[in-house]
Amino acid sequence: MNVPADLLYTPDHEWVRREADGIVAVGITDHAQEALGDLVYVELPEAGRHVERKEACAVVESVKAASDVFAPLAGEVTERNDELAGRPELVNQDPYGAWLFKLRVDDAGAIANLMSPADYAKSLEEA
């Protein structure tokens, strides 16, 4: 399984990349996209929406199943990746490049509660 060392993770298979000014990009992991199979639809939160940590705020749907994507942190959605509406398969092709949405995090310290790459990789091995 591909687990990039420069990202943080959640037990629900979301990844988080820190960007500038308290903004984080959020996507689903290689493990998640592989388990789902070929994505056919992505529903993303609107910019300006405030989400709470662990709130279901997006949906990824494949030919096999639909799955909620949970906010890894509380914050305001600043942007969503509208390219995925017409090309959801980009998540399958590059799960760590095809971010779903970006958040301005309410509490920057909460990032410390996310899983390290080593901890996430270990959780996959134990599953």
N, C-alpha and C. Protein backbone atom coordinates (compact mmCIF):
# COMPACT_ATOMS: atom_id res chain seq x y z
N MET A 1 0.84 -1.18 0.00
CA MET A 1 0.00 0.00 0.00
C MET A 1 0.89 1.25 0.00
N ASN A 2 0.49 2.21 -0.74
CA ASN A 2 1.22 3.47 -0.85
C ASN A 2 0.79 4.41 0.28
N VAL A 3 1.72 4.77 1.17
CA VAL A 3 1.46 5.68 2.29
C VAL A 3 2.54 6.77 2.29
N PRO A 4 2.30 7.87 1.56
CA PRO A 4 3.30 8.93 1.49
C PRO A 4 3.68 9.47 2.89
N ALA A 5 4.95 9.72 3.06
CA ALA A 5 5.49 10.16 4.35
C ALA A 5 5.21 11.62 4.66
N ASP A 6 4.77 12.39 3.66
CA ASP A 6 4.56 13.82 3.90
C ASP A 6 3.11 14.17 4.23
N LEU A 7 2.27 13.15 4.45
CA LEU A 7 0.87 13.38 4.76
C LEU A 7 0.53 12.86 6.15
N LEU A 8 -0.64 13.26 6.64
CA LEU A 8 -1.18 12.72 7.88
C LEU A 8 -2.47 11.98 7.51
N TYR A 9 -2.96 11.12 8.42
CA TYR A 9 -4.05 10.22 8.07
C TYR A 9 -5.09 10.10 9.17
N THR A 10 -6.26 9.57 8.80
CA THR A 10 -7.31 9.26 9.76
C THR A 10 -7.58 7.75 9.72
N PRO A 11 -8.18 7.21 10.77
CA PRO A 11 -8.55 5.80 10.74
C PRO A 11 -9.60 5.49 9.67
N ASP A 12 -10.31 6.52 9.19
CA ASP A 12 -11.34 6.34 8.15
C ASP A 12 -10.76 6.45 6.74
N HIS A 13 -9.44 6.48 6.62
CA HIS A 13 -8.73 6.45 5.34
C HIS A 13 -8.80 7.75 4.55
N GLU A 14 -8.84 8.87 5.28
CA GLU A 14 -8.64 10.17 4.65
C GLU A 14 -7.18 10.58 4.87
N TRP A 15 -6.65 11.33 3.93
CA TRP A 15 -5.32 11.90 4.13
C TRP A 15 -5.44 13.42 4.23
N VAL A 16 -4.44 14.03 4.88
CA VAL A 16 -4.41 15.48 5.09
C VAL A 16 -3.01 15.98 4.73
N ARG A 17 -2.99 17.02 3.90
CA ARG A 17 -1.72 17.67 3.55
C ARG A 17 -1.79 19.12 4.02
N ARG A 18 -0.82 19.50 4.85
CA ARG A 18 -0.76 20.89 5.31
C ARG A 18 -0.31 21.80 4.18
N GLU A 19 -1.04 22.90 4.03
CA GLU A 19 -0.66 23.91 3.04
C GLU A 19 -0.45 25.22 3.79
N ALA A 20 -0.61 26.32 3.14
CA ALA A 20 -0.32 27.62 3.75
C ALA A 20 -1.48 28.13 4.59
N ASP A 21 -1.17 29.01 5.54
CA ASP A 21 -2.16 29.78 6.29
C ASP A 21 -3.26 28.96 6.95
N GLY A 22 -2.91 27.81 7.53
CA GLY A 22 -3.90 27.00 8.22
C GLY A 22 -4.82 26.23 7.30
N ILE A 23 -4.51 26.19 6.01
CA ILE A 23 -5.31 25.44 5.04
C ILE A 23 -4.74 24.03 4.95
N VAL A 24 -5.64 23.04 4.89
CA VAL A 24 -5.23 21.66 4.65
C VAL A 24 -6.04 21.11 3.47
N ALA A 25 -5.39 20.31 2.65
CA ALA A 25 -6.06 19.59 1.58
C ALA A 25 -6.44 18.22 2.12
N VAL A 26 -7.61 17.72 1.70
CA VAL A 26 -8.13 16.44 2.18
C VAL A 26 -8.46 15.55 0.99
N GLY A 27 -8.10 14.28 1.10
CA GLY A 27 -8.44 13.31 0.07
C GLY A 27 -8.63 11.95 0.69
N ILE A 28 -8.85 10.95 -0.16
CA ILE A 28 -8.94 9.58 0.36
C ILE A 28 -7.67 8.83 -0.02
N THR A 29 -7.32 7.87 0.79
CA THR A 29 -6.07 7.15 0.62
C THR A 29 -6.13 6.13 -0.52
N ASP A 30 -4.96 5.66 -0.87
CA ASP A 30 -4.84 4.61 -1.87
C ASP A 30 -5.64 3.38 -1.43
N HIS A 31 -5.54 3.05 -0.15
CA HIS A 31 -6.29 1.91 0.39
C HIS A 31 -7.79 2.09 0.17
N ALA A 32 -8.30 3.28 0.45
CA ALA A 32 -9.74 3.56 0.31
C ALA A 32 -10.18 3.45 -1.14
N GLN A 33 -9.44 4.06 -2.05
CA GLN A 33 -9.86 4.02 -3.45
C GLN A 33 -9.77 2.61 -4.00
N GLU A 34 -8.79 1.84 -3.53
CA GLU A 34 -8.67 0.46 -4.00
C GLU A 34 -9.83 -0.40 -3.49
N ALA A 35 -10.21 -0.19 -2.24
CA ALA A 35 -11.33 -0.94 -1.67
C ALA A 35 -12.65 -0.61 -2.37
N LEU A 36 -12.81 0.65 -2.76
CA LEU A 36 -14.04 1.07 -3.43
C LEU A 36 -14.11 0.59 -4.88
N GLY A 37 -12.98 0.57 -5.56
CA GLY A 37 -12.97 0.25 -6.98
C GLY A 37 -13.15 1.51 -7.81
N ASP A 38 -13.51 1.35 -9.05
CA ASP A 38 -13.60 2.48 -9.98
C ASP A 38 -14.66 3.48 -9.55
N LEU A 39 -14.22 4.70 -9.25
CA LEU A 39 -15.16 5.74 -8.84
C LEU A 39 -15.94 6.27 -10.04
N VAL A 40 -17.23 6.47 -9.81
CA VAL A 40 -18.11 6.97 -10.88
C VAL A 40 -18.77 8.29 -10.51
N TYR A 41 -18.69 8.69 -9.24
CA TYR A 41 -19.36 9.91 -8.79
C TYR A 41 -18.69 10.42 -7.53
N VAL A 42 -18.57 11.73 -7.44
CA VAL A 42 -18.02 12.37 -6.25
C VAL A 42 -18.92 13.55 -5.90
N GLU A 43 -19.35 13.61 -4.65
CA GLU A 43 -20.13 14.75 -4.16
C GLU A 43 -19.29 15.46 -3.11
N LEU A 44 -19.04 16.75 -3.32
CA LEU A 44 -18.13 17.51 -2.46
C LEU A 44 -18.87 18.62 -1.74
N PRO A 45 -18.35 19.01 -0.57
CA PRO A 45 -19.00 20.09 0.19
C PRO A 45 -18.79 21.45 -0.50
N GLU A 46 -19.74 22.33 -0.29
CA GLU A 46 -19.66 23.68 -0.85
C GLU A 46 -18.62 24.51 -0.10
N ALA A 47 -17.92 25.37 -0.83
CA ALA A 47 -17.02 26.33 -0.19
C ALA A 47 -17.84 27.22 0.73
N GLY A 48 -17.29 27.52 1.90
CA GLY A 48 -17.98 28.34 2.88
C GLY A 48 -18.67 27.52 3.95
N ARG A 49 -18.87 26.24 3.69
CA ARG A 49 -19.52 25.37 4.68
C ARG A 49 -18.57 25.10 5.84
N HIS A 50 -19.09 25.16 7.05
CA HIS A 50 -18.30 24.79 8.22
C HIS A 50 -18.59 23.33 8.55
N VAL A 51 -17.54 22.55 8.76
CA VAL A 51 -17.70 21.14 9.10
C VAL A 51 -17.05 20.86 10.44
N GLU A 52 -17.61 19.90 11.14
CA GLU A 52 -17.04 19.45 12.40
C GLU A 52 -16.18 18.21 12.16
N ARG A 53 -15.21 17.99 13.02
CA ARG A 53 -14.37 16.80 12.93
C ARG A 53 -15.26 15.56 12.94
N LYS A 54 -14.98 14.64 12.05
CA LYS A 54 -15.69 13.36 11.88
C LYS A 54 -17.08 13.51 11.28
N GLU A 55 -17.42 14.71 10.79
CA GLU A 55 -18.70 14.90 10.12
C GLU A 55 -18.62 14.37 8.69
N ALA A 56 -19.62 13.60 8.27
CA ALA A 56 -19.69 13.16 6.88
C ALA A 56 -19.96 14.40 6.02
N CYS A 57 -19.05 14.72 5.12
CA CYS A 57 -19.20 15.97 4.37
C CYS A 57 -19.00 15.79 2.87
N ALA A 58 -18.65 14.61 2.44
CA ALA A 58 -18.49 14.32 1.02
C ALA A 58 -18.85 12.85 0.80
N VAL A 59 -19.08 12.50 -0.46
CA VAL A 59 -19.41 11.12 -0.82
C VAL A 59 -18.60 10.74 -2.05
N VAL A 60 -18.03 9.55 -2.00
CA VAL A 60 -17.40 8.97 -3.18
C VAL A 60 -18.17 7.69 -3.50
N GLU A 61 -18.51 7.53 -4.76
CA GLU A 61 -19.33 6.39 -5.16
C GLU A 61 -18.63 5.63 -6.29
N SER A 62 -18.64 4.32 -6.13
CA SER A 62 -18.05 3.46 -7.16
C SER A 62 -19.14 2.55 -7.70
N VAL A 63 -18.76 1.68 -8.61
CA VAL A 63 -19.72 0.72 -9.13
C VAL A 63 -20.12 -0.27 -8.04
N LYS A 64 -19.30 -0.39 -6.99
CA LYS A 64 -19.57 -1.34 -5.90
C LYS A 64 -20.33 -0.73 -4.73
N ALA A 65 -20.02 0.51 -4.39
CA ALA A 65 -20.58 1.09 -3.15
C ALA A 65 -20.41 2.59 -3.12
N ALA A 66 -21.17 3.22 -2.24
CA ALA A 66 -20.98 4.64 -1.94
C ALA A 66 -20.39 4.72 -0.53
N SER A 67 -19.52 5.68 -0.34
CA SER A 67 -18.87 5.81 0.96
C SER A 67 -18.78 7.28 1.35
N ASP A 68 -19.10 7.55 2.62
CA ASP A 68 -18.94 8.90 3.14
C ASP A 68 -17.47 9.22 3.32
N VAL A 69 -17.15 10.48 3.14
CA VAL A 69 -15.82 11.00 3.47
C VAL A 69 -16.04 11.93 4.66
N PHE A 70 -15.26 11.71 5.70
CA PHE A 70 -15.42 12.45 6.95
C PHE A 70 -14.39 13.57 7.05
N ALA A 71 -14.82 14.68 7.60
CA ALA A 71 -13.89 15.79 7.83
C ALA A 71 -12.86 15.35 8.88
N PRO A 72 -11.59 15.42 8.55
CA PRO A 72 -10.57 14.99 9.51
C PRO A 72 -10.37 15.99 10.64
N LEU A 73 -10.80 17.23 10.40
CA LEU A 73 -10.64 18.33 11.36
C LEU A 73 -11.83 19.27 11.20
N ALA A 74 -12.12 20.03 12.24
CA ALA A 74 -13.17 21.04 12.15
C ALA A 74 -12.62 22.26 11.42
N GLY A 75 -13.46 22.85 10.58
CA GLY A 75 -13.03 24.04 9.88
C GLY A 75 -13.98 24.43 8.77
N GLU A 76 -13.59 25.47 8.04
CA GLU A 76 -14.40 25.97 6.94
C GLU A 76 -13.85 25.45 5.62
N VAL A 77 -14.71 24.93 4.78
CA VAL A 77 -14.33 24.49 3.45
C VAL A 77 -13.99 25.75 2.64
N THR A 78 -12.77 25.84 2.17
CA THR A 78 -12.35 27.00 1.39
C THR A 78 -12.42 26.75 -0.11
N GLU A 79 -12.35 25.49 -0.48
CA GLU A 79 -12.31 25.15 -1.90
C GLU A 79 -12.66 23.68 -2.06
N ARG A 80 -13.23 23.35 -3.20
CA ARG A 80 -13.45 21.94 -3.52
C ARG A 80 -12.89 21.68 -4.91
N ASN A 81 -12.54 20.46 -5.16
CA ASN A 81 -11.91 20.10 -6.42
C ASN A 81 -13.00 19.77 -7.45
N ASP A 82 -13.53 20.80 -8.09
CA ASP A 82 -14.63 20.64 -9.03
C ASP A 82 -14.27 19.81 -10.26
N GLU A 83 -12.99 19.66 -10.54
CA GLU A 83 -12.58 18.82 -11.67
C GLU A 83 -13.06 17.38 -11.49
N LEU A 84 -13.19 16.95 -10.24
CA LEU A 84 -13.59 15.56 -9.97
C LEU A 84 -15.04 15.28 -10.33
N ALA A 85 -15.88 16.32 -10.42
CA ALA A 85 -17.28 16.11 -10.79
C ALA A 85 -17.39 15.45 -12.15
N GLY A 86 -16.56 15.86 -13.08
CA GLY A 86 -16.58 15.29 -14.42
C GLY A 86 -15.59 14.16 -14.62
N ARG A 87 -14.65 14.04 -13.67
CA ARG A 87 -13.60 13.03 -13.81
C ARG A 87 -13.27 12.38 -12.47
N PRO A 88 -14.24 11.67 -11.86
CA PRO A 88 -13.99 11.05 -10.55
C PRO A 88 -12.88 10.00 -10.59
N GLU A 89 -12.61 9.46 -11.79
CA GLU A 89 -11.57 8.44 -11.92
C GLU A 89 -10.18 8.99 -11.58
N LEU A 90 -10.02 10.32 -11.53
CA LEU A 90 -8.73 10.90 -11.14
C LEU A 90 -8.32 10.45 -9.74
N VAL A 91 -9.30 10.21 -8.88
CA VAL A 91 -9.00 9.73 -7.52
C VAL A 91 -8.37 8.34 -7.59
N ASN A 92 -8.88 7.48 -8.48
CA ASN A 92 -8.29 6.15 -8.64
C ASN A 92 -6.89 6.24 -9.24
N GLN A 93 -6.71 7.14 -10.18
CA GLN A 93 -5.43 7.26 -10.87
C GLN A 93 -4.34 7.85 -9.99
N ASP A 94 -4.70 8.80 -9.13
CA ASP A 94 -3.71 9.48 -8.29
C ASP A 94 -4.38 9.92 -6.98
N PRO A 95 -4.61 8.97 -6.06
CA PRO A 95 -5.35 9.32 -4.85
C PRO A 95 -4.70 10.41 -4.00
N TYR A 96 -3.39 10.56 -4.09
CA TYR A 96 -2.71 11.57 -3.28
C TYR A 96 -2.52 12.89 -4.02
N GLY A 97 -2.85 12.92 -5.28
CA GLY A 97 -2.82 14.16 -6.04
C GLY A 97 -4.21 14.75 -6.22
N ALA A 98 -5.21 13.89 -6.22
CA ALA A 98 -6.60 14.31 -6.45
C ALA A 98 -7.26 14.62 -5.10
N TRP A 99 -6.97 15.78 -4.56
CA TRP A 99 -7.60 16.19 -3.30
C TRP A 99 -9.09 16.44 -3.55
N LEU A 100 -9.88 16.28 -2.50
CA LEU A 100 -11.33 16.46 -2.61
C LEU A 100 -11.75 17.88 -2.24
N PHE A 101 -11.27 18.35 -1.08
CA PHE A 101 -11.61 19.69 -0.63
C PHE A 101 -10.51 20.21 0.27
N LYS A 102 -10.56 21.52 0.51
CA LYS A 102 -9.58 22.16 1.39
C LYS A 102 -10.32 22.82 2.55
N LEU A 103 -9.67 22.79 3.70
CA LEU A 103 -10.25 23.35 4.93
C LEU A 103 -9.34 24.39 5.54
N ARG A 104 -9.95 25.45 6.08
CA ARG A 104 -9.25 26.37 6.97
C ARG A 104 -9.58 25.85 8.37
N VAL A 105 -8.60 25.27 9.01
CA VAL A 105 -8.79 24.56 10.26
C VAL A 105 -9.07 25.52 11.41
N ASP A 106 -10.07 25.16 12.24
CA ASP A 106 -10.41 25.98 13.41
C ASP A 106 -9.29 26.00 14.44
N ASP A 107 -8.68 24.85 14.69
CA ASP A 107 -7.66 24.70 15.72
C ASP A 107 -6.45 24.00 15.12
N ALA A 108 -5.41 24.77 14.81
CA ALA A 108 -4.22 24.19 14.19
C ALA A 108 -3.60 23.09 15.05
N GLY A 109 -3.76 23.17 16.35
CA GLY A 109 -3.22 22.15 17.24
C GLY A 109 -3.88 20.79 17.07
N ALA A 110 -5.09 20.77 16.54
CA ALA A 110 -5.82 19.51 16.35
C ALA A 110 -5.15 18.61 15.31
N ILE A 111 -4.31 19.19 14.48
CA ILE A 111 -3.59 18.40 13.48
C ILE A 111 -2.74 17.33 14.17
N ALA A 112 -2.28 17.62 15.37
CA ALA A 112 -1.46 16.67 16.11
C ALA A 112 -2.22 15.38 16.45
N ASN A 113 -3.55 15.41 16.37
CA ASN A 113 -4.34 14.23 16.68
C ASN A 113 -4.47 13.26 15.50
N LEU A 114 -3.99 13.65 14.34
CA LEU A 114 -4.05 12.78 13.17
C LEU A 114 -2.96 11.72 13.24
N MET A 115 -3.12 10.67 12.44
CA MET A 115 -2.17 9.56 12.45
C MET A 115 -0.93 9.90 11.60
N SER A 116 0.22 9.47 12.10
CA SER A 116 1.45 9.60 11.33
C SER A 116 1.43 8.56 10.20
N PRO A 117 2.26 8.74 9.20
CA PRO A 117 2.33 7.72 8.15
C PRO A 117 2.65 6.33 8.70
N ALA A 118 3.56 6.26 9.67
CA ALA A 118 3.92 4.95 10.25
C ALA A 118 2.72 4.33 10.99
N ASP A 119 1.99 5.15 11.73
CA ASP A 119 0.84 4.62 12.45
C ASP A 119 -0.27 4.17 11.48
N TYR A 120 -0.47 4.93 10.42
CA TYR A 120 -1.49 4.55 9.44
C TYR A 120 -1.09 3.25 8.74
N ALA A 121 0.17 3.14 8.34
CA ALA A 121 0.65 1.92 7.68
C ALA A 121 0.49 0.71 8.61
N LYS A 122 0.79 0.91 9.89
CA LYS A 122 0.63 -0.18 10.86
C LYS A 122 -0.85 -0.58 10.98
N SER A 123 -1.75 0.39 10.96
CA SER A 123 -3.18 0.08 11.07
C SER A 123 -3.65 -0.74 9.87
N LEU A 124 -3.08 -0.49 8.70
CA LEU A 124 -3.44 -1.26 7.51
C LEU A 124 -2.95 -2.69 7.62
N GLU A 125 -1.76 -2.86 8.18
CA GLU A 125 -1.19 -4.21 8.35
C GLU A 125 -2.02 -5.03 9.34
N GLU A 126 -2.55 -4.34 10.36
CA GLU A 126 -3.31 -5.04 11.41
C GLU A 126 -4.74 -5.34 10.99
N ALA A 127 -5.22 -4.68 9.94
CA ALA A 127 -6.61 -4.86 9.52
C ALA A 127 -6.83 -6.19 8.83
